[in-house]
């Protein structure tokens, strides 16, 4: 490790000590004058930290001049950075204070009689030593500030994960408990929320004002406020082109219902089975989700469609399915069915006769037609 203070004669340090140590008051005045965050009365812990920190730094610097020792323990300055963060002062303010302090010390040295007696080579070495010294103190304080910021951010995120877990709980937590958890996480419970299921939910939620999230496998869950008129547009912008499912908007106390809907749709949508890309609104695919939620039921409904056609050649079976789908979509209107299939109405009537042989009275009852329509969807 480079020790630039070792290149400054110890005698220079002794000669400059009165001027350097005496610069403490000027540094404090300059910092308070130029940095709004520090424009506070020099009282209590704040005044003690500031005056002691400056005095110790100056005395330590002069003591290092002419020595080949490493910089002493900087934990004091790391703690200073942590304390500054706890008191709400910004990293920019902290760094600016160090810069002002360095400038003020150098001006004081330049104005001192002892400095005028030093050769240029010593003055250059002294400048290098000062700037390197303050840079290391500043780095320690910045590291302490950043450590506190990381701890705070991690703590807040942990509390927000607890909020999401409470909203996913079954049975649901009491409204008062949800409010308590939200308050501890610095989150305001919206009147309505919607669940967003997406990979990297925490990262996406950071782009949605008022959202909370947790990352799960295979996809995380975020709860987004559903109160603004353009809330879906806000979510769409945050999601970009990624695969995601949005549950229905519900009161926050019923958030699990929205999440369950979106989580049911996620694997179906991720597999590309719903014909859409990007953000999917689960409410637009309720029948598909109903079938996806019960594999056995879907299999039974598929069987209801396929079994009567098993004896037909593959081509005939495919035409029968196509005709049945078009006829059901047209609510039994032969002319509309023929138009959809681009065939003559008489061709449709002929095919319907075969379908009646295959499906019997299922074509004539609302329940039978519904089961066939669901079976076709299940295919």
Protein backbone atom coordinates (compact mmCIF):
# COMPACT_ATOMS: atom_id res chain seq x y z
CA UNK A 1 0.00 0.00 0.00
CA UNK A 2 1.35 3.44 -0.96
CA UNK A 3 2.08 5.77 1.98
CA UNK A 4 2.57 9.23 0.41
CA UNK A 5 2.89 10.86 3.87
CA UNK A 6 6.20 9.01 4.30
CA UNK A 7 7.71 11.28 1.64
CA UNK A 8 7.05 14.40 3.72
CA UNK A 9 9.78 15.17 6.30
CA UNK A 10 8.68 14.78 9.90
CA UNK A 11 10.06 18.25 10.58
CA UNK A 12 7.58 19.66 8.08
CA UNK A 13 4.76 18.02 9.98
CA UNK A 14 5.97 19.49 13.25
CA UNK A 15 6.22 22.96 11.69
CA UNK A 16 2.74 22.76 10.16
CA UNK A 17 0.99 21.22 13.17
CA UNK A 18 -0.30 24.48 14.68
CA UNK A 19 -1.76 25.63 11.36
CA UNK A 20 -3.30 22.23 10.42
CA UNK A 21 -4.77 21.46 13.84
CA UNK A 22 -5.97 25.03 14.10
CA UNK A 23 -7.95 24.68 10.87
CA UNK A 24 -10.69 22.66 12.59
CA UNK A 25 -12.94 25.62 13.25
CA UNK A 26 -12.53 26.98 9.72
CA UNK A 27 -13.44 23.57 8.27
CA UNK A 28 -16.61 23.33 10.36
CA UNK A 29 -17.65 26.87 9.42
CA UNK A 30 -17.05 26.18 5.70
CA UNK A 31 -18.94 22.87 5.75
CA UNK A 32 -21.93 24.39 7.54
CA UNK A 33 -21.96 27.35 5.18
CA UNK A 34 -21.87 25.28 1.98
CA UNK A 35 -23.72 22.05 2.78
CA UNK A 36 -27.39 22.52 3.74
CA UNK A 37 -27.56 19.11 5.46
CA UNK A 38 -25.00 20.33 8.01
CA UNK A 39 -26.59 23.70 8.81
CA UNK A 40 -27.50 22.63 12.33
CA UNK A 41 -26.50 23.98 15.77
CA UNK A 42 -23.29 22.39 17.05
CA UNK A 43 -25.09 20.80 19.96
CA UNK A 44 -25.60 17.29 21.31
CA UNK A 45 -24.34 14.26 19.44
CA UNK A 46 -24.26 16.08 16.10
CA UNK A 47 -21.93 18.81 17.35
CA UNK A 48 -19.76 16.31 19.21
CA UNK A 49 -19.37 14.01 16.19
CA UNK A 50 -18.53 16.85 13.83
CA UNK A 51 -15.99 18.61 16.04
CA UNK A 52 -14.33 15.40 17.25
CA UNK A 53 -14.24 13.88 13.78
CA UNK A 54 -12.51 16.92 12.30
CA UNK A 55 -10.07 17.31 15.22
CA UNK A 56 -9.05 13.65 15.23
CA UNK A 57 -8.60 13.60 11.45
CA UNK A 58 -6.33 16.66 11.50
CA UNK A 59 -4.22 15.47 14.41
CA UNK A 60 -3.88 12.02 12.85
CA UNK A 61 -2.79 13.48 9.52
CA UNK A 62 0.00 15.57 11.05
CA UNK A 63 1.12 12.55 13.07
CA UNK A 64 1.48 10.46 9.93
CA UNK A 65 3.81 12.91 8.17
CA UNK A 66 7.32 11.52 7.96
CA UNK A 67 6.25 8.01 9.02
CA UNK A 68 6.10 4.80 7.01
CA UNK A 69 3.06 3.43 8.81
CA UNK A 70 -0.27 2.49 7.32
CA UNK A 71 -3.33 4.61 7.84
CA UNK A 72 -4.69 3.92 11.35
CA UNK A 73 -8.00 2.17 11.88
CA UNK A 74 -10.72 3.89 9.81
CA UNK A 75 -13.65 2.25 11.60
CA UNK A 76 -14.45 5.56 13.25
CA UNK A 77 -15.09 7.09 9.82
CA UNK A 78 -17.07 4.09 8.60
CA UNK A 79 -19.28 4.49 11.66
CA UNK A 80 -19.56 8.19 10.86
CA UNK A 81 -20.96 7.24 7.44
CA UNK A 82 -23.49 4.88 9.04
CA UNK A 83 -24.59 7.53 11.52
CA UNK A 84 -24.98 10.12 8.78
CA UNK A 85 -27.26 7.73 6.90
CA UNK A 86 -29.36 7.09 10.01
CA UNK A 87 -29.85 10.82 10.42
CA UNK A 88 -31.05 11.19 6.85
CA UNK A 89 -28.05 12.98 5.41
CA UNK A 90 -27.24 12.10 1.82
CA UNK A 91 -24.13 10.49 0.43
CA UNK A 92 -23.60 13.57 -1.74
CA UNK A 93 -23.65 15.80 1.35
CA UNK A 94 -21.12 13.57 3.11
CA UNK A 95 -18.73 13.55 0.15
CA UNK A 96 -19.09 17.29 -0.34
CA UNK A 97 -18.20 17.85 3.32
CA UNK A 98 -14.96 15.92 2.83
CA UNK A 99 -14.13 17.90 -0.31
CA UNK A 100 -14.72 21.21 1.47
CA UNK A 101 -12.61 20.03 4.39
CA UNK A 102 -9.72 19.14 2.10
CA UNK A 103 -9.89 22.48 0.32
CA UNK A 104 -10.00 24.40 3.60
CA UNK A 105 -6.99 22.54 5.05
CA UNK A 106 -4.96 23.16 1.91
CA UNK A 107 -5.83 26.87 1.93
CA UNK A 108 -4.82 27.07 5.58
CA UNK A 109 -1.51 25.34 4.86
CA UNK A 110 -0.85 27.64 1.93
CA UNK A 111 -1.43 30.71 4.07
CA UNK A 112 0.87 29.53 6.85
CA UNK A 113 4.37 30.90 7.32
CA UNK A 114 5.73 27.37 7.77
CA UNK A 115 4.63 26.40 4.27
CA UNK A 116 6.52 29.25 2.63
CA UNK A 117 9.72 27.84 4.08
CA UNK A 118 9.27 24.43 2.41
CA UNK A 119 10.84 23.60 -0.97
CA UNK A 120 8.46 22.87 -3.89
CA UNK A 121 9.26 19.14 -3.77
CA UNK A 122 8.00 18.94 -0.17
CA UNK A 123 4.89 20.98 -0.96
CA UNK A 124 4.02 18.61 -3.82
CA UNK A 125 4.52 15.58 -1.55
CA UNK A 126 2.44 17.26 1.14
CA UNK A 127 -0.45 17.82 -1.30
CA UNK A 128 -0.30 14.19 -2.43
CA UNK A 129 -0.28 13.01 1.18
CA UNK A 130 -3.25 15.20 2.14
CA UNK A 131 -5.42 14.23 -0.80
CA UNK A 132 -4.64 10.53 -0.41
CA UNK A 133 -5.33 10.67 3.32
CA UNK A 134 -8.70 12.40 3.02
CA UNK A 135 -9.64 10.13 0.11
CA UNK A 136 -9.17 7.07 2.32
CA UNK A 137 -11.19 8.59 5.17
CA UNK A 138 -13.93 9.53 2.72
CA UNK A 139 -13.92 6.03 1.24
CA UNK A 140 -14.39 4.53 4.70
CA UNK A 141 -17.34 6.85 5.41
CA UNK A 142 -18.89 6.12 2.01
CA UNK A 143 -18.56 2.39 2.67
CA UNK A 144 -20.26 2.81 6.06
CA UNK A 145 -23.06 4.88 4.51
CA UNK A 146 -23.55 2.31 1.73
CA UNK A 147 -23.57 -0.56 4.22
CA UNK A 148 -26.32 1.15 6.20
CA UNK A 149 -28.26 1.80 3.01
CA UNK A 150 -27.99 -1.86 2.00
CA UNK A 151 -29.09 -3.03 5.44
CA UNK A 152 -32.02 -0.64 5.40
CA UNK A 153 -33.06 -1.63 1.88
CA UNK A 154 -32.77 -5.31 2.76
CA UNK A 155 -34.80 -4.80 5.92
CA UNK A 156 -37.55 -2.93 4.08
CA UNK A 157 -37.70 -5.58 1.35
CA UNK A 158 -37.87 -8.33 3.98
CA UNK A 159 -40.81 -6.58 5.62
CA UNK A 160 -42.51 -6.15 2.25
CA UNK A 161 -42.03 -9.84 1.53
CA UNK A 162 -43.81 -10.49 4.85
CA UNK A 163 -46.69 -8.32 3.61
CA UNK A 164 -46.96 -10.32 0.38
CA UNK A 165 -46.84 -13.61 2.27
CA UNK A 166 -49.62 -12.39 4.56
CA UNK A 167 -51.75 -11.47 1.55
CA UNK A 168 -51.17 -14.94 0.09
CA UNK A 169 -52.02 -16.69 3.35
CA UNK A 170 -54.95 -19.07 3.74
CA UNK A 171 -56.99 -18.31 5.74
CA UNK A 172 -56.49 -14.57 5.10
CA UNK A 173 -54.92 -12.47 7.82
CA UNK A 174 -57.14 -10.02 9.66
CA UNK A 175 -57.31 -6.51 8.14
CA UNK A 176 -55.75 -5.01 11.28
CA UNK A 177 -52.78 -7.40 11.04
CA UNK A 178 -52.32 -6.58 7.35
CA UNK A 179 -52.32 -2.87 8.18
CA UNK A 180 -49.74 -3.44 10.92
CA UNK A 181 -47.41 -5.37 8.60
CA UNK A 182 -47.85 -2.79 5.85
CA UNK A 183 -47.07 0.06 8.22
CA UNK A 184 -43.84 -1.61 9.37
CA UNK A 185 -42.84 -2.00 5.70
CA UNK A 186 -43.62 1.61 4.85
CA UNK A 187 -46.42 0.52 2.51
CA UNK A 188 -49.93 1.92 2.25
CA UNK A 189 -52.58 -0.74 1.63
CA UNK A 190 -54.53 0.26 -1.52
CA UNK A 191 -58.30 -0.03 -1.67
CA UNK A 192 -57.87 -2.59 -4.44
CA UNK A 193 -54.93 -4.67 -5.64
CA UNK A 194 -54.26 -7.08 -8.47
CA UNK A 195 -51.74 -9.91 -8.44
CA UNK A 196 -49.02 -9.89 -11.07
CA UNK A 197 -47.24 -13.21 -11.62
CA UNK A 198 -43.91 -12.86 -13.40
CA UNK A 199 -40.31 -14.01 -13.17
CA UNK A 200 -38.25 -11.41 -11.30
CA UNK A 201 -41.30 -9.94 -9.59
CA UNK A 202 -39.30 -7.79 -7.15
CA UNK A 203 -37.37 -6.11 -9.95
CA UNK A 204 -40.53 -5.46 -11.98
CA UNK A 205 -42.41 -4.17 -8.92
CA UNK A 206 -39.71 -1.54 -8.42
CA UNK A 207 -41.03 0.11 -11.60
CA UNK A 208 -44.66 0.18 -10.37
CA UNK A 209 -45.49 2.85 -7.78
CA UNK A 210 -46.98 1.33 -4.64
CA UNK A 211 -46.27 -2.32 -5.55
CA UNK A 212 -44.91 -4.98 -3.21
CA UNK A 213 -43.47 -8.30 -4.34
CA UNK A 214 -41.64 -11.49 -3.53
CA UNK A 215 -39.68 -13.75 -5.85
CA UNK A 216 -40.89 -17.35 -5.92
CA UNK A 217 -40.30 -20.31 -8.24
CA UNK A 218 -41.16 -20.61 -11.06
CA UNK A 219 -42.59 -17.07 -10.99
CA UNK A 220 -42.84 -14.43 -8.30
CA UNK A 221 -45.91 -12.52 -7.16
CA UNK A 222 -46.36 -8.76 -6.98
CA UNK A 223 -49.42 -6.96 -5.69
CA UNK A 224 -50.01 -3.75 -7.62
CA UNK A 225 -52.45 -0.97 -6.74
CA UNK A 226 -55.57 -1.14 -8.92
CA UNK A 227 -57.04 2.25 -8.10
CA UNK A 228 -55.94 4.58 -10.89
CA UNK A 229 -57.83 4.52 -14.17
CA UNK A 230 -54.61 3.77 -16.03
CA UNK A 231 -53.30 1.14 -13.59
CA UNK A 232 -53.22 -1.58 -16.27
CA UNK A 233 -51.17 0.71 -18.54
CA UNK A 234 -48.71 1.30 -15.68
CA UNK A 235 -48.29 -2.46 -15.21
CA UNK A 236 -47.97 -3.06 -18.95
CA UNK A 237 -45.19 -0.49 -19.19
CA UNK A 238 -43.33 -2.04 -16.25
CA UNK A 239 -43.66 -5.59 -17.62
CA UNK A 240 -42.51 -4.57 -21.10
CA UNK A 241 -42.52 -7.65 -23.35
CA UNK A 242 -42.01 -10.26 -20.64
CA UNK A 243 -44.36 -13.17 -20.03
CA UNK A 244 -46.68 -12.21 -17.17
CA UNK A 245 -50.21 -12.79 -15.91
CA UNK A 246 -52.41 -10.21 -14.21
CA UNK A 247 -55.13 -11.36 -11.83
CA UNK A 248 -58.43 -9.54 -11.30
CA UNK A 249 -58.58 -6.42 -9.12
CA UNK A 250 -59.90 -7.25 -5.63
CA UNK A 251 -59.96 -5.68 -2.16
CA UNK A 252 -56.57 -6.10 -0.47
CA UNK A 253 -58.07 -8.49 2.10
CA UNK A 254 -59.00 -10.84 -0.78
CA UNK A 255 -55.65 -10.57 -2.55
CA UNK A 256 -55.13 -14.33 -2.48
CA UNK A 257 -58.05 -14.79 -4.88
CA UNK A 258 -56.37 -12.59 -7.48
CA UNK A 259 -53.05 -14.38 -6.96
CA UNK A 260 -54.64 -17.83 -7.27
CA UNK A 261 -56.22 -16.84 -10.59
CA UNK A 262 -52.96 -15.48 -11.96
CA UNK A 263 -50.90 -18.43 -10.70
CA UNK A 264 -53.31 -20.87 -12.36
CA UNK A 265 -52.92 -19.05 -15.66
CA UNK A 266 -49.14 -18.67 -15.48
CA UNK A 267 -48.02 -22.15 -16.64
CA UNK A 268 -50.67 -22.22 -19.37
CA UNK A 269 -49.63 -18.81 -20.64
CA UNK A 270 -45.91 -19.55 -20.29
CA UNK A 271 -46.41 -22.66 -22.44
CA UNK A 272 -47.98 -20.49 -25.16
CA UNK A 273 -51.35 -22.23 -24.97
CA UNK A 274 -53.54 -19.13 -24.71
CA UNK A 275 -52.55 -17.53 -27.98
CA UNK A 276 -51.08 -14.35 -26.45
CA UNK A 277 -47.65 -13.01 -25.57
CA UNK A 278 -46.48 -10.50 -22.98
CA UNK A 279 -48.94 -9.46 -20.29
CA UNK A 280 -52.05 -11.64 -20.08
CA UNK A 281 -55.19 -10.61 -18.19
CA UNK A 282 -56.50 -13.78 -16.65
CA UNK A 283 -60.11 -12.58 -16.65
CA UNK A 284 -60.11 -12.81 -20.44
CA UNK A 285 -59.51 -16.59 -20.34
CA UNK A 286 -61.79 -17.94 -17.63
CA UNK A 287 -62.90 -21.04 -19.53
CA UNK A 288 -59.33 -22.00 -20.39
CA UNK A 289 -58.35 -21.50 -16.75
CA UNK A 290 -61.29 -23.57 -15.58
CA UNK A 291 -60.08 -26.44 -17.72
CA UNK A 292 -56.44 -25.90 -16.75
CA UNK A 293 -57.42 -26.06 -13.09
CA UNK A 294 -58.79 -29.61 -13.42
CA UNK A 295 -56.79 -31.90 -15.66
CA UNK A 296 -59.16 -34.84 -15.11
CA UNK A 297 -62.22 -32.77 -15.97
CA UNK A 298 -60.53 -31.49 -19.13
CA UNK A 299 -59.62 -35.04 -20.12
CA UNK A 300 -63.24 -36.19 -19.64
CA UNK A 301 -64.53 -33.33 -21.78
CA UNK A 302 -62.01 -34.10 -24.52
CA UNK A 303 -63.13 -37.72 -24.41
CA UNK A 304 -66.74 -36.58 -24.82
CA UNK A 305 -65.78 -35.01 -28.16
CA UNK A 306 -63.29 -37.59 -29.43
CA UNK A 307 -64.79 -40.94 -28.47
CA UNK A 308 -67.78 -40.88 -30.92
CA UNK A 309 -65.40 -40.08 -33.80
CA UNK A 310 -62.76 -42.75 -33.20
CA UNK A 311 -64.10 -45.10 -35.89
CA UNK A 312 -63.96 -42.40 -38.58
CA UNK A 313 -60.96 -41.90 -40.89
CA UNK A 314 -58.65 -39.13 -39.70
CA UNK A 315 -59.78 -36.68 -42.37
CA UNK A 316 -63.47 -37.27 -41.69
CA UNK A 317 -62.94 -36.91 -37.93
CA UNK A 318 -61.13 -33.60 -38.43
CA UNK A 319 -63.96 -32.28 -40.65
CA UNK A 320 -66.51 -33.36 -38.07
CA UNK A 321 -64.69 -31.48 -35.30
CA UNK A 322 -64.34 -28.41 -37.52
CA UNK A 323 -68.05 -28.48 -38.39
CA UNK A 324 -69.12 -29.03 -34.79
CA UNK A 325 -67.02 -26.07 -33.62
CA UNK A 326 -68.34 -23.74 -36.31
CA UNK A 327 -71.96 -24.83 -35.70
CA UNK A 328 -71.69 -24.24 -31.96
CA UNK A 329 -70.00 -20.87 -32.54
CA UNK A 330 -72.87 -19.92 -34.87
CA UNK A 331 -75.46 -20.98 -32.23
CA UNK A 332 -76.91 -23.61 -34.56
CA UNK A 333 -77.36 -21.30 -37.57
CA UNK A 334 -76.69 -23.49 -40.64
CA UNK A 335 -76.19 -20.56 -43.02
CA UNK A 336 -73.64 -18.87 -40.72
CA UNK A 337 -71.88 -22.19 -40.20
CA UNK A 338 -71.64 -22.73 -43.97
CA UNK A 339 -70.20 -19.23 -44.42
CA UNK A 340 -67.58 -19.83 -41.72
CA UNK A 341 -66.56 -23.14 -43.34
CA UNK A 342 -66.82 -21.83 -46.93
CA UNK A 343 -69.12 -24.68 -47.94
CA UNK A 344 -72.74 -24.98 -49.12
CA UNK A 345 -75.45 -25.04 -46.41
CA UNK A 346 -76.55 -28.44 -47.69
CA UNK A 347 -73.04 -29.75 -46.94
CA UNK A 348 -73.42 -28.52 -43.39
CA UNK A 349 -76.80 -30.26 -43.07
CA UNK A 350 -75.27 -33.49 -44.33
CA UNK A 351 -72.43 -33.26 -41.82
CA UNK A 352 -74.85 -32.39 -39.01
CA UNK A 353 -76.77 -35.58 -39.74
CA UNK A 354 -73.57 -37.53 -39.16
CA UNK A 355 -72.87 -35.52 -36.02
CA UNK A 356 -76.32 -36.34 -34.65
CA UNK A 357 -75.63 -40.01 -35.24
CA UNK A 358 -72.39 -39.59 -33.26
CA UNK A 359 -73.54 -37.33 -30.41
CA UNK A 360 -77.26 -37.97 -30.24
CA UNK A 361 -79.33 -35.62 -28.09
CA UNK A 362 -76.23 -33.79 -26.83
CA UNK A 363 -76.65 -31.48 -29.82
CA UNK A 364 -80.18 -30.56 -28.75
CA UNK A 365 -79.78 -29.71 -25.06
CA UNK A 366 -78.06 -26.61 -23.61
CA UNK A 367 -76.03 -28.74 -21.20
CA UNK A 368 -74.96 -31.14 -23.94
CA UNK A 369 -73.88 -28.30 -26.25
CA UNK A 370 -71.97 -26.64 -23.40
CA UNK A 371 -70.10 -29.87 -22.63
CA UNK A 372 -69.19 -30.30 -26.30
CA UNK A 373 -68.05 -26.67 -26.54
CA UNK A 374 -65.84 -27.13 -23.46
CA UNK A 375 -64.52 -30.40 -24.88
CA UNK A 376 -63.53 -28.60 -28.06
CA UNK A 377 -61.74 -25.96 -25.98
CA UNK A 378 -60.00 -28.71 -24.06
CA UNK A 379 -58.69 -30.16 -27.32
